[in-house]
Amino acid sequence: MSVEFLLTSFIVVASPGTGVLYTLAAGLSRGARASVLAAFACTLGIIPHMAAAITGLAALLYTSALAFEVIKYLGVAYLLYLAWSTLQEHGALDVQGESAPKTARQVIVEGILINVLNPKLSIFFFAFLPQFVDTTDPNALPTMLALSCVFMAMTFVVFAIYGVFAAAVRTHIVGRPGVLTWMRRSFAAAFVLLGARLALTER
């Protein structure tokens, strides 16, 4: 496994995006347990895209304008829904105590959907993984699977660190309505901006 792969993966994973934003929101609103669940859910949401890249389905997604547009706008709609629910105080940034089982399920489902409904991930992995695999190698498929597992593990660890850090400063935020209102608006705006960026992406 090359240093280039590890470095590139780390840069991609650590860069702020919908998954990082959602994990931070989970840590700030529900504590460390919810942030780790959110990190785990976002990591699970990567699996369909990696499977698509490995099996070649990403090529079909790339060539089919309709399929790409449908998934893209589902993702946009979901990000706008997250923005709206955050402003309504019962969404991503709903500050409360430790999560009940139902809330934990909601965190997992939302985290998975955030990454599943992003067609750019399939295209990214379709272009990214083959760069580090010798296609003439008979073990190319196992190598790609191994690289995918490393990427997922890195995603979980980095996202969890983000979330646990957010949970650590949570006590300084709870009980301050002005700060909470500002944060809700900021997170909602960030979801809207990410949705707009996704809407403007081309194949």
N, C-alpha and C. Protein backbone atom coordinates (compact mmCIF):
# COMPACT_ATOMS: atom_id res chain seq x y z
N MET A 1 0.86 -1.19 0.00
CA MET A 1 0.00 0.00 0.00
C MET A 1 0.89 1.24 0.00
N SER A 2 0.65 2.13 -0.94
CA SER A 2 1.54 3.26 -1.13
C SER A 2 1.23 4.39 -0.16
N VAL A 3 2.27 5.19 0.10
CA VAL A 3 2.11 6.37 0.93
C VAL A 3 1.19 7.37 0.23
N GLU A 4 1.28 7.40 -1.11
CA GLU A 4 0.43 8.32 -1.88
C GLU A 4 -1.05 8.03 -1.65
N PHE A 5 -1.39 6.73 -1.60
CA PHE A 5 -2.79 6.37 -1.37
C PHE A 5 -3.24 6.82 0.01
N LEU A 6 -2.43 6.57 1.02
CA LEU A 6 -2.79 6.94 2.38
C LEU A 6 -2.92 8.45 2.53
N LEU A 7 -1.99 9.19 1.93
CA LEU A 7 -2.02 10.64 2.04
C LEU A 7 -3.23 11.22 1.31
N THR A 8 -3.46 10.72 0.09
CA THR A 8 -4.60 11.21 -0.68
C THR A 8 -5.91 10.88 0.02
N SER A 9 -6.00 9.68 0.55
CA SER A 9 -7.22 9.27 1.26
C SER A 9 -7.47 10.16 2.47
N PHE A 10 -6.40 10.45 3.20
CA PHE A 10 -6.56 11.29 4.40
C PHE A 10 -7.04 12.68 4.03
N ILE A 11 -6.48 13.25 2.96
CA ILE A 11 -6.91 14.59 2.53
C ILE A 11 -8.38 14.59 2.14
N VAL A 12 -8.78 13.55 1.40
CA VAL A 12 -10.18 13.44 0.96
C VAL A 12 -11.11 13.28 2.16
N VAL A 13 -10.73 12.42 3.09
CA VAL A 13 -11.59 12.14 4.25
C VAL A 13 -11.69 13.35 5.18
N ALA A 14 -10.55 14.02 5.42
CA ALA A 14 -10.53 15.12 6.39
C ALA A 14 -11.13 16.40 5.85
N SER A 15 -11.28 16.50 4.53
CA SER A 15 -11.84 17.72 3.95
C SER A 15 -13.30 17.87 4.37
N PRO A 16 -13.70 19.07 4.79
CA PRO A 16 -15.09 19.30 5.23
C PRO A 16 -16.09 18.98 4.11
N GLY A 17 -17.10 18.23 4.45
CA GLY A 17 -18.15 17.87 3.51
C GLY A 17 -19.41 17.53 4.29
N THR A 18 -20.37 16.94 3.63
CA THR A 18 -21.63 16.62 4.30
C THR A 18 -21.45 15.65 5.45
N GLY A 19 -20.59 14.64 5.27
CA GLY A 19 -20.37 13.66 6.32
C GLY A 19 -19.73 14.28 7.55
N VAL A 20 -18.70 15.09 7.34
CA VAL A 20 -18.04 15.77 8.46
C VAL A 20 -19.02 16.70 9.16
N LEU A 21 -19.77 17.45 8.38
CA LEU A 21 -20.73 18.38 8.96
C LEU A 21 -21.77 17.65 9.79
N TYR A 22 -22.28 16.53 9.28
CA TYR A 22 -23.30 15.79 10.01
C TYR A 22 -22.73 15.20 11.31
N THR A 23 -21.50 14.70 11.24
CA THR A 23 -20.88 14.12 12.43
C THR A 23 -20.63 15.19 13.49
N LEU A 24 -20.18 16.37 13.07
CA LEU A 24 -20.00 17.47 14.01
C LEU A 24 -21.32 17.85 14.66
N ALA A 25 -22.36 17.93 13.85
CA ALA A 25 -23.68 18.28 14.38
C ALA A 25 -24.16 17.25 15.38
N ALA A 26 -23.92 15.97 15.09
CA ALA A 26 -24.33 14.91 16.02
C ALA A 26 -23.59 15.03 17.34
N GLY A 27 -22.28 15.32 17.28
CA GLY A 27 -21.50 15.46 18.50
C GLY A 27 -21.95 16.64 19.33
N LEU A 28 -22.23 17.76 18.67
CA LEU A 28 -22.65 18.96 19.38
C LEU A 28 -24.05 18.82 19.97
N SER A 29 -24.92 18.11 19.26
CA SER A 29 -26.31 18.05 19.69
C SER A 29 -26.61 16.90 20.63
N ARG A 30 -25.96 15.74 20.44
CA ARG A 30 -26.34 14.56 21.22
C ARG A 30 -25.18 13.91 21.98
N GLY A 31 -23.98 14.42 21.84
CA GLY A 31 -22.87 13.88 22.60
C GLY A 31 -22.00 12.91 21.83
N ALA A 32 -21.01 12.35 22.53
CA ALA A 32 -19.99 11.51 21.90
C ALA A 32 -20.57 10.24 21.28
N ARG A 33 -21.51 9.61 21.99
CA ARG A 33 -22.07 8.35 21.47
C ARG A 33 -22.74 8.56 20.11
N ALA A 34 -23.52 9.63 20.00
CA ALA A 34 -24.20 9.91 18.74
C ALA A 34 -23.20 10.27 17.65
N SER A 35 -22.12 10.95 18.02
CA SER A 35 -21.13 11.33 17.00
C SER A 35 -20.43 10.10 16.43
N VAL A 36 -20.14 9.12 17.29
CA VAL A 36 -19.52 7.89 16.81
C VAL A 36 -20.51 7.12 15.93
N LEU A 37 -21.78 7.11 16.32
CA LEU A 37 -22.81 6.47 15.49
C LEU A 37 -22.90 7.15 14.13
N ALA A 38 -22.85 8.49 14.13
CA ALA A 38 -22.92 9.24 12.88
C ALA A 38 -21.71 8.93 12.00
N ALA A 39 -20.53 8.84 12.61
CA ALA A 39 -19.33 8.50 11.85
C ALA A 39 -19.45 7.11 11.24
N PHE A 40 -19.98 6.17 12.03
CA PHE A 40 -20.17 4.81 11.56
C PHE A 40 -21.18 4.77 10.41
N ALA A 41 -22.27 5.54 10.55
CA ALA A 41 -23.30 5.57 9.52
C ALA A 41 -22.77 6.16 8.22
N CYS A 42 -22.04 7.26 8.32
CA CYS A 42 -21.46 7.86 7.12
C CYS A 42 -20.50 6.90 6.44
N THR A 43 -19.78 6.12 7.24
CA THR A 43 -18.86 5.13 6.68
C THR A 43 -19.64 4.03 5.95
N LEU A 44 -20.74 3.58 6.54
CA LEU A 44 -21.58 2.58 5.87
C LEU A 44 -22.13 3.12 4.55
N GLY A 45 -22.41 4.42 4.51
CA GLY A 45 -22.94 5.02 3.30
C GLY A 45 -21.97 5.02 2.14
N ILE A 46 -20.70 4.76 2.42
CA ILE A 46 -19.68 4.69 1.37
C ILE A 46 -19.73 3.35 0.64
N ILE A 47 -20.19 2.31 1.33
CA ILE A 47 -20.13 0.95 0.78
C ILE A 47 -20.78 0.82 -0.60
N PRO A 48 -22.01 1.34 -0.81
CA PRO A 48 -22.61 1.19 -2.14
C PRO A 48 -21.77 1.83 -3.25
N HIS A 49 -21.13 2.95 -2.94
CA HIS A 49 -20.31 3.62 -3.95
C HIS A 49 -19.05 2.84 -4.27
N MET A 50 -18.44 2.28 -3.25
CA MET A 50 -17.25 1.47 -3.48
C MET A 50 -17.62 0.20 -4.24
N ALA A 51 -18.74 -0.40 -3.89
CA ALA A 51 -19.19 -1.59 -4.60
C ALA A 51 -19.46 -1.27 -6.05
N ALA A 52 -20.06 -0.10 -6.30
CA ALA A 52 -20.34 0.32 -7.67
C ALA A 52 -19.05 0.52 -8.45
N ALA A 53 -18.07 1.13 -7.81
CA ALA A 53 -16.80 1.36 -8.49
C ALA A 53 -16.10 0.05 -8.80
N ILE A 54 -16.10 -0.85 -7.84
CA ILE A 54 -15.39 -2.12 -8.02
C ILE A 54 -16.06 -3.00 -9.08
N THR A 55 -17.39 -2.99 -9.10
CA THR A 55 -18.11 -3.84 -10.07
C THR A 55 -18.30 -3.18 -11.43
N GLY A 56 -17.96 -1.91 -11.52
CA GLY A 56 -18.08 -1.22 -12.80
C GLY A 56 -19.40 -0.51 -12.99
N LEU A 57 -20.27 -0.56 -11.97
CA LEU A 57 -21.55 0.12 -12.11
C LEU A 57 -21.39 1.63 -12.17
N ALA A 58 -20.30 2.13 -11.61
CA ALA A 58 -20.06 3.57 -11.65
C ALA A 58 -19.90 4.05 -13.08
N ALA A 59 -19.36 3.18 -13.95
CA ALA A 59 -19.22 3.55 -15.36
C ALA A 59 -20.60 3.77 -15.98
N LEU A 60 -21.56 2.91 -15.60
CA LEU A 60 -22.92 3.07 -16.10
C LEU A 60 -23.54 4.35 -15.59
N LEU A 61 -23.30 4.65 -14.31
CA LEU A 61 -23.81 5.87 -13.71
C LEU A 61 -23.22 7.09 -14.42
N TYR A 62 -21.95 6.97 -14.78
CA TYR A 62 -21.27 8.08 -15.45
C TYR A 62 -21.84 8.30 -16.85
N THR A 63 -22.15 7.23 -17.56
CA THR A 63 -22.62 7.37 -18.94
C THR A 63 -24.12 7.64 -19.01
N SER A 64 -24.86 7.34 -17.95
CA SER A 64 -26.30 7.55 -17.95
C SER A 64 -26.61 8.89 -17.29
N ALA A 65 -26.94 9.87 -18.10
CA ALA A 65 -27.24 11.20 -17.57
C ALA A 65 -28.47 11.16 -16.67
N LEU A 66 -29.48 10.38 -17.05
CA LEU A 66 -30.71 10.32 -16.27
C LEU A 66 -30.46 9.75 -14.88
N ALA A 67 -29.73 8.63 -14.81
CA ALA A 67 -29.45 8.00 -13.52
C ALA A 67 -28.67 8.94 -12.62
N PHE A 68 -27.69 9.62 -13.19
CA PHE A 68 -26.88 10.54 -12.41
C PHE A 68 -27.74 11.69 -11.88
N GLU A 69 -28.57 12.26 -12.74
CA GLU A 69 -29.39 13.41 -12.34
C GLU A 69 -30.41 13.02 -11.28
N VAL A 70 -31.01 11.85 -11.40
CA VAL A 70 -32.01 11.40 -10.42
C VAL A 70 -31.37 11.28 -9.04
N ILE A 71 -30.24 10.59 -8.96
CA ILE A 71 -29.57 10.41 -7.67
C ILE A 71 -29.08 11.74 -7.12
N LYS A 72 -28.56 12.57 -8.03
CA LYS A 72 -28.04 13.87 -7.60
C LYS A 72 -29.13 14.71 -6.94
N TYR A 73 -30.29 14.79 -7.58
CA TYR A 73 -31.34 15.66 -7.04
C TYR A 73 -32.04 15.05 -5.83
N LEU A 74 -32.00 13.74 -5.71
CA LEU A 74 -32.45 13.13 -4.45
C LEU A 74 -31.53 13.58 -3.32
N GLY A 75 -30.23 13.60 -3.60
CA GLY A 75 -29.26 14.06 -2.61
C GLY A 75 -29.47 15.53 -2.26
N VAL A 76 -29.73 16.36 -3.27
CA VAL A 76 -29.98 17.78 -3.03
C VAL A 76 -31.22 17.96 -2.15
N ALA A 77 -32.28 17.24 -2.48
CA ALA A 77 -33.52 17.33 -1.71
C ALA A 77 -33.29 16.93 -0.26
N TYR A 78 -32.48 15.89 -0.05
CA TYR A 78 -32.24 15.43 1.32
C TYR A 78 -31.43 16.46 2.11
N LEU A 79 -30.45 17.09 1.47
CA LEU A 79 -29.67 18.12 2.15
C LEU A 79 -30.54 19.32 2.52
N LEU A 80 -31.45 19.69 1.63
CA LEU A 80 -32.37 20.79 1.93
C LEU A 80 -33.31 20.41 3.08
N TYR A 81 -33.71 19.13 3.11
CA TYR A 81 -34.54 18.66 4.22
C TYR A 81 -33.77 18.76 5.54
N LEU A 82 -32.49 18.39 5.53
CA LEU A 82 -31.68 18.50 6.74
C LEU A 82 -31.57 19.95 7.19
N ALA A 83 -31.42 20.87 6.22
CA ALA A 83 -31.34 22.30 6.55
C ALA A 83 -32.64 22.76 7.22
N TRP A 84 -33.77 22.37 6.63
CA TRP A 84 -35.06 22.76 7.17
C TRP A 84 -35.28 22.18 8.56
N SER A 85 -34.99 20.90 8.74
CA SER A 85 -35.22 20.26 10.04
C SER A 85 -34.30 20.83 11.10
N THR A 86 -33.09 21.25 10.71
CA THR A 86 -32.17 21.86 11.66
C THR A 86 -32.75 23.18 12.17
N LEU A 87 -33.31 23.97 11.28
CA LEU A 87 -33.91 25.24 11.68
C LEU A 87 -35.15 25.04 12.55
N GLN A 88 -35.82 23.88 12.37
CA GLN A 88 -37.02 23.58 13.16
C GLN A 88 -36.68 23.03 14.54
N GLU A 89 -35.37 22.91 14.84
CA GLU A 89 -34.88 22.47 16.15
C GLU A 89 -35.14 21.01 16.46
N HIS A 90 -35.43 20.21 15.43
CA HIS A 90 -35.59 18.77 15.69
C HIS A 90 -34.81 17.97 14.64
N GLY A 91 -33.82 18.60 14.06
CA GLY A 91 -33.04 17.93 13.03
C GLY A 91 -31.64 17.61 13.48
N ALA A 92 -30.67 17.89 12.62
CA ALA A 92 -29.28 17.51 12.89
C ALA A 92 -28.74 18.17 14.14
N LEU A 93 -29.21 19.39 14.45
CA LEU A 93 -28.67 20.11 15.60
C LEU A 93 -29.72 20.33 16.67
N ASP A 94 -30.34 19.24 17.08
CA ASP A 94 -31.33 19.27 18.15
C ASP A 94 -30.62 18.91 19.44
N VAL A 95 -30.30 19.91 20.27
CA VAL A 95 -29.50 19.66 21.47
C VAL A 95 -30.38 19.04 22.55
N GLN A 96 -29.91 17.89 23.04
CA GLN A 96 -30.66 17.17 24.05
C GLN A 96 -29.70 16.30 24.83
N GLY A 97 -30.22 15.43 25.65
CA GLY A 97 -29.38 14.51 26.41
C GLY A 97 -28.92 13.37 25.55
N GLU A 98 -28.41 12.31 26.21
CA GLU A 98 -27.95 11.15 25.46
C GLU A 98 -29.08 10.54 24.65
N SER A 99 -28.77 10.03 23.49
CA SER A 99 -29.78 9.56 22.56
C SER A 99 -30.50 8.31 23.07
N ALA A 100 -31.80 8.30 22.86
CA ALA A 100 -32.57 7.10 23.10
C ALA A 100 -32.37 6.17 21.91
N PRO A 101 -32.74 4.86 22.04
CA PRO A 101 -32.54 3.94 20.92
C PRO A 101 -33.12 4.44 19.61
N LYS A 102 -34.33 5.04 19.65
CA LYS A 102 -34.95 5.52 18.42
C LYS A 102 -34.12 6.62 17.79
N THR A 103 -33.61 7.52 18.61
CA THR A 103 -32.78 8.60 18.11
C THR A 103 -31.50 8.05 17.50
N ALA A 104 -30.94 7.02 18.09
CA ALA A 104 -29.73 6.41 17.54
C ALA A 104 -30.01 5.84 16.15
N ARG A 105 -31.15 5.21 15.96
CA ARG A 105 -31.51 4.69 14.64
C ARG A 105 -31.64 5.83 13.64
N GLN A 106 -32.23 6.93 14.09
CA GLN A 106 -32.39 8.07 13.20
C GLN A 106 -31.03 8.61 12.77
N VAL A 107 -30.10 8.68 13.71
CA VAL A 107 -28.75 9.16 13.39
C VAL A 107 -28.11 8.25 12.34
N ILE A 108 -28.25 6.94 12.51
CA ILE A 108 -27.64 5.99 11.57
C ILE A 108 -28.27 6.12 10.19
N VAL A 109 -29.60 6.17 10.14
CA VAL A 109 -30.29 6.26 8.84
C VAL A 109 -29.91 7.55 8.12
N GLU A 110 -29.92 8.66 8.85
CA GLU A 110 -29.58 9.94 8.23
C GLU A 110 -28.14 9.94 7.73
N GLY A 111 -27.23 9.41 8.54
CA GLY A 111 -25.82 9.37 8.15
C GLY A 111 -25.59 8.54 6.89
N ILE A 112 -26.27 7.40 6.81
CA ILE A 112 -26.14 6.55 5.62
C ILE A 112 -26.68 7.26 4.39
N LEU A 113 -27.86 7.87 4.52
CA LEU A 113 -28.49 8.53 3.38
C LEU A 113 -27.64 9.69 2.86
N ILE A 114 -26.96 10.39 3.75
CA ILE A 114 -26.13 11.52 3.33
C ILE A 114 -25.11 11.09 2.29
N ASN A 115 -24.47 9.96 2.50
CA ASN A 115 -23.45 9.50 1.55
C ASN A 115 -24.03 8.67 0.41
N VAL A 116 -25.08 7.90 0.68
CA VAL A 116 -25.69 7.10 -0.38
C VAL A 116 -26.23 7.99 -1.49
N LEU A 117 -26.83 9.12 -1.11
CA LEU A 117 -27.45 10.02 -2.08
C LEU A 117 -26.47 11.05 -2.64
N ASN A 118 -25.25 10.63 -2.84
CA ASN A 118 -24.25 11.51 -3.44
C ASN A 118 -23.57 10.75 -4.59
N PRO A 119 -24.05 10.91 -5.82
CA PRO A 119 -23.50 10.14 -6.95
C PRO A 119 -22.05 10.45 -7.25
N LYS A 120 -21.57 11.61 -6.80
CA LYS A 120 -20.18 11.96 -7.06
C LYS A 120 -19.22 11.00 -6.36
N LEU A 121 -19.67 10.37 -5.28
CA LEU A 121 -18.80 9.42 -4.59
C LEU A 121 -18.50 8.22 -5.48
N SER A 122 -19.52 7.73 -6.21
CA SER A 122 -19.28 6.60 -7.11
C SER A 122 -18.28 6.98 -8.19
N ILE A 123 -18.46 8.16 -8.77
CA ILE A 123 -17.54 8.62 -9.81
C ILE A 123 -16.14 8.80 -9.24
N PHE A 124 -16.08 9.33 -8.01
CA PHE A 124 -14.78 9.55 -7.38
C PHE A 124 -14.03 8.24 -7.20
N PHE A 125 -14.69 7.24 -6.64
CA PHE A 125 -14.02 5.97 -6.40
C PHE A 125 -13.69 5.25 -7.71
N PHE A 126 -14.55 5.44 -8.71
CA PHE A 126 -14.27 4.83 -10.01
C PHE A 126 -12.99 5.40 -10.61
N ALA A 127 -12.72 6.68 -10.35
CA ALA A 127 -11.51 7.31 -10.87
C ALA A 127 -10.34 7.18 -9.90
N PHE A 128 -10.64 7.05 -8.61
CA PHE A 128 -9.61 7.09 -7.58
C PHE A 128 -8.92 5.74 -7.36
N LEU A 129 -9.71 4.71 -7.12
CA LEU A 129 -9.13 3.42 -6.77
C LEU A 129 -8.20 2.82 -7.83
N PRO A 130 -8.61 2.84 -9.12
CA PRO A 130 -7.75 2.21 -10.14
C PRO A 130 -6.36 2.81 -10.25
N GLN A 131 -6.18 4.04 -9.78
CA GLN A 131 -4.87 4.67 -9.86
C GLN A 131 -3.83 3.95 -9.00
N PHE A 132 -4.30 3.21 -8.02
CA PHE A 132 -3.39 2.55 -7.08
C PHE A 132 -3.42 1.03 -7.22
N VAL A 133 -3.98 0.56 -8.35
CA VAL A 133 -4.07 -0.88 -8.59
C VAL A 133 -3.55 -1.20 -9.99
N ASP A 134 -2.70 -2.21 -10.06
CA ASP A 134 -2.20 -2.68 -11.36
C ASP A 134 -3.27 -3.59 -11.97
N THR A 135 -3.90 -3.10 -13.04
CA THR A 135 -5.01 -3.86 -13.64
C THR A 135 -4.55 -5.18 -14.25
N THR A 136 -3.26 -5.33 -14.49
CA THR A 136 -2.75 -6.59 -15.05
C THR A 136 -2.47 -7.62 -13.95
N ASP A 137 -2.52 -7.17 -12.72
CA ASP A 137 -2.27 -8.05 -11.58
C ASP A 137 -3.48 -8.96 -11.38
N PRO A 138 -3.28 -10.28 -11.30
CA PRO A 138 -4.40 -11.20 -11.07
C PRO A 138 -5.08 -10.98 -9.73
N ASN A 139 -4.39 -10.31 -8.82
CA ASN A 139 -4.97 -10.01 -7.51
C ASN A 139 -5.51 -8.58 -7.44
N ALA A 140 -5.85 -8.03 -8.59
CA ALA A 140 -6.31 -6.64 -8.63
C ALA A 140 -7.57 -6.43 -7.79
N LEU A 141 -8.53 -7.36 -7.89
CA LEU A 141 -9.78 -7.22 -7.15
C LEU A 141 -9.57 -7.26 -5.64
N PRO A 142 -8.82 -8.26 -5.12
CA PRO A 142 -8.55 -8.26 -3.67
C PRO A 142 -7.81 -7.00 -3.23
N THR A 143 -6.90 -6.51 -4.07
CA THR A 143 -6.18 -5.29 -3.73
C THR A 143 -7.12 -4.10 -3.63
N MET A 144 -8.05 -4.01 -4.58
CA MET A 144 -9.01 -2.92 -4.56
C MET A 144 -9.92 -3.01 -3.34
N LEU A 145 -10.31 -4.22 -2.98
CA LEU A 145 -11.13 -4.41 -1.79
C LEU A 145 -10.37 -3.99 -0.53
N ALA A 146 -9.08 -4.34 -0.49
CA ALA A 146 -8.25 -3.98 0.67
C ALA A 146 -8.11 -2.46 0.78
N LEU A 147 -7.87 -1.80 -0.36
CA LEU A 147 -7.76 -0.34 -0.35
C LEU A 147 -9.07 0.30 0.09
N SER A 148 -10.19 -0.27 -0.36
CA SER A 148 -11.50 0.25 0.02
C SER A 148 -11.71 0.14 1.53
N CYS A 149 -11.31 -0.98 2.09
CA CYS A 149 -11.46 -1.18 3.54
C CYS A 149 -10.60 -0.19 4.32
N VAL A 150 -9.40 0.08 3.83
CA VAL A 150 -8.52 1.06 4.47
C VAL A 150 -9.16 2.44 4.42
N PHE A 151 -9.71 2.79 3.27
CA PHE A 151 -10.36 4.10 3.11
C PHE A 151 -11.54 4.22 4.08
N MET A 152 -12.33 3.16 4.19
CA MET A 152 -13.48 3.20 5.10
C MET A 152 -13.04 3.31 6.56
N ALA A 153 -12.00 2.58 6.92
CA ALA A 153 -11.50 2.64 8.30
C ALA A 153 -11.00 4.05 8.61
N MET A 154 -10.31 4.65 7.66
CA MET A 154 -9.81 6.01 7.85
C MET A 154 -10.96 6.99 7.98
N THR A 155 -12.00 6.78 7.17
CA THR A 155 -13.19 7.64 7.24
C THR A 155 -13.81 7.59 8.63
N PHE A 156 -13.99 6.38 9.14
CA PHE A 156 -14.61 6.23 10.46
C PHE A 156 -13.78 6.90 11.55
N VAL A 157 -12.47 6.65 11.54
CA VAL A 157 -11.60 7.20 12.59
C VAL A 157 -11.58 8.72 12.55
N VAL A 158 -11.39 9.29 11.37
CA VAL A 158 -11.32 10.76 11.25
C VAL A 158 -12.65 11.40 11.62
N PHE A 159 -13.75 10.85 11.11
CA PHE A 159 -15.06 11.41 11.42
C PHE A 159 -15.35 11.30 12.92
N ALA A 160 -14.98 10.17 13.52
CA ALA A 160 -15.22 9.98 14.95
C ALA A 160 -14.43 11.00 15.77
N ILE A 161 -13.21 11.29 15.35
CA ILE A 161 -12.39 12.29 16.04
C ILE A 161 -13.06 13.66 15.96
N TYR A 162 -13.53 14.00 14.77
CA TYR A 162 -14.27 15.26 14.62
C TYR A 162 -15.45 15.31 15.59
N GLY A 163 -16.24 14.23 15.60
CA GLY A 163 -17.45 14.20 16.41
C GLY A 163 -17.19 14.23 17.90
N VAL A 164 -16.19 13.46 18.35
CA VAL A 164 -15.87 13.43 19.78
C VAL A 164 -15.34 14.79 20.24
N PHE A 165 -14.57 15.44 19.39
CA PHE A 165 -14.10 16.79 19.72
C PHE A 165 -15.28 17.75 19.88
N ALA A 166 -16.24 17.64 18.95
CA ALA A 166 -17.43 18.48 19.03
C ALA A 166 -18.20 18.20 20.31
N ALA A 167 -18.30 16.91 20.68
CA ALA A 167 -19.01 16.54 21.90
C ALA A 167 -18.30 17.09 23.14
N ALA A 168 -16.96 17.20 23.08
CA ALA A 168 -16.19 17.68 24.22
C ALA A 168 -16.48 19.15 24.54
N VAL A 169 -16.82 19.93 23.52
CA VAL A 169 -17.11 21.34 23.75
C VAL A 169 -18.61 21.58 23.88
N ARG A 170 -19.37 20.49 23.85
CA ARG A 170 -20.84 20.60 23.91
C ARG A 170 -21.32 21.28 25.17
N THR A 171 -20.67 21.01 26.31
CA THR A 171 -21.12 21.57 27.58
C THR A 171 -21.00 23.09 27.61
N HIS A 172 -20.14 23.64 26.76
CA HIS A 172 -19.98 25.09 26.72
C HIS A 172 -21.05 25.76 25.85
N ILE A 173 -21.85 24.92 25.18
CA ILE A 173 -22.85 25.44 24.24
C ILE A 173 -24.27 25.26 24.77
N VAL A 174 -24.52 24.08 25.37
CA VAL A 174 -25.85 23.81 25.92
C VAL A 174 -26.20 24.85 26.98
N GLY A 175 -27.39 25.37 26.91
CA GLY A 175 -27.82 26.37 27.88
C GLY A 175 -27.58 27.80 27.43
N ARG A 176 -27.04 27.97 26.22
CA ARG A 176 -26.83 29.31 25.68
C ARG A 176 -27.68 29.46 24.42
N PRO A 177 -28.91 29.93 24.57
CA PRO A 177 -29.84 30.00 23.44
C PRO A 177 -29.30 30.79 22.25
N GLY A 178 -28.60 31.88 22.52
CA GLY A 178 -28.06 32.69 21.43
C GLY A 178 -27.05 31.93 20.60
N VAL A 179 -26.17 31.19 21.28
CA VAL A 179 -25.17 30.40 20.57
C VAL A 179 -25.84 29.29 19.77
N LEU A 180 -26.85 28.64 20.39
CA LEU A 180 -27.55 27.55 19.71
C LEU A 180 -28.26 28.05 18.46
N THR A 181 -28.90 29.21 18.57
CA THR A 181 -29.60 29.77 17.40
C THR A 181 -28.61 30.06 16.28
N TRP A 182 -27.47 30.66 16.62
CA TRP A 182 -26.45 30.97 15.62
C TRP A 182 -25.92 29.69 14.97
N MET A 183 -25.71 28.65 15.78
CA MET A 183 -25.18 27.40 15.25
C MET A 183 -26.21 26.71 14.35
N ARG A 184 -27.48 26.74 14.76
CA ARG A 184 -28.52 26.13 13.92
C ARG A 184 -28.56 26.80 12.55
N ARG A 185 -28.52 28.11 12.57
CA ARG A 185 -28.56 28.84 11.30
C ARG A 185 -27.32 28.56 10.46
N SER A 186 -26.17 28.48 11.12
CA SER A 186 -24.92 28.21 10.40
C SER A 186 -24.92 26.82 9.77
N PHE A 187 -25.36 25.82 10.54
CA PHE A 187 -25.41 24.46 10.02
C PHE A 187 -26.44 24.33 8.90
N ALA A 188 -27.59 25.00 9.08
CA ALA A 188 -28.61 24.96 8.03
C ALA A 188 -28.08 25.59 6.75
N ALA A 189 -27.38 26.73 6.90
CA ALA A 189 -26.81 27.39 5.72
C ALA A 189 -25.77 26.51 5.06
N ALA A 190 -24.98 25.80 5.88
CA ALA A 190 -23.95 24.91 5.31
C ALA A 190 -24.59 23.77 4.53
N PHE A 191 -25.68 23.20 5.06
CA PHE A 191 -26.39 22.15 4.32
C PHE A 191 -26.93 22.67 3.00
N VAL A 192 -27.47 23.90 3.02
CA VAL A 192 -28.00 24.50 1.79
C VAL A 192 -26.88 24.71 0.77
N LEU A 193 -25.73 25.21 1.23
CA LEU A 193 -24.60 25.44 0.33
C LEU A 193 -24.08 24.14 -0.27
N LEU A 194 -24.02 23.10 0.57
CA LEU A 194 -23.58 21.80 0.06
C LEU A 194 -24.58 21.24 -0.94
N GLY A 195 -25.87 21.46 -0.69
CA GLY A 195 -26.89 21.03 -1.63
C GLY A 195 -26.77 21.77 -2.94
N ALA A 196 -26.51 23.09 -2.87
CA ALA A 196 -26.35 23.89 -4.09
C ALA A 196 -25.12 23.44 -4.88
N ARG A 197 -24.04 23.13 -4.15
CA ARG A 197 -22.83 22.67 -4.84
C ARG A 197 -23.08 21.33 -5.53
N LEU A 198 -23.81 20.45 -4.86
CA LEU A 198 -24.13 19.16 -5.47
C LEU A 198 -25.02 19.36 -6.69
N ALA A 199 -25.99 20.28 -6.60
CA ALA A 199 -26.89 20.54 -7.72
C ALA A 199 -26.16 21.06 -8.95
N LEU A 200 -25.06 21.78 -8.73
CA LEU A 200 -24.32 22.38 -9.83
C LEU A 200 -23.24 21.46 -10.39
N THR A 201 -23.02 20.30 -9.76
CA THR A 201 -21.98 19.39 -10.24
C THR A 201 -22.41 18.73 -11.55
N GLU A 202 -21.45 18.49 -12.38
CA GLU A 202 -21.68 17.80 -13.65
C GLU A 202 -20.94 16.48 -13.65
N ARG A 203 -21.37 15.58 -14.53
CA ARG A 203 -20.70 14.29 -14.62
C ARG A 203 -19.30 14.46 -15.14
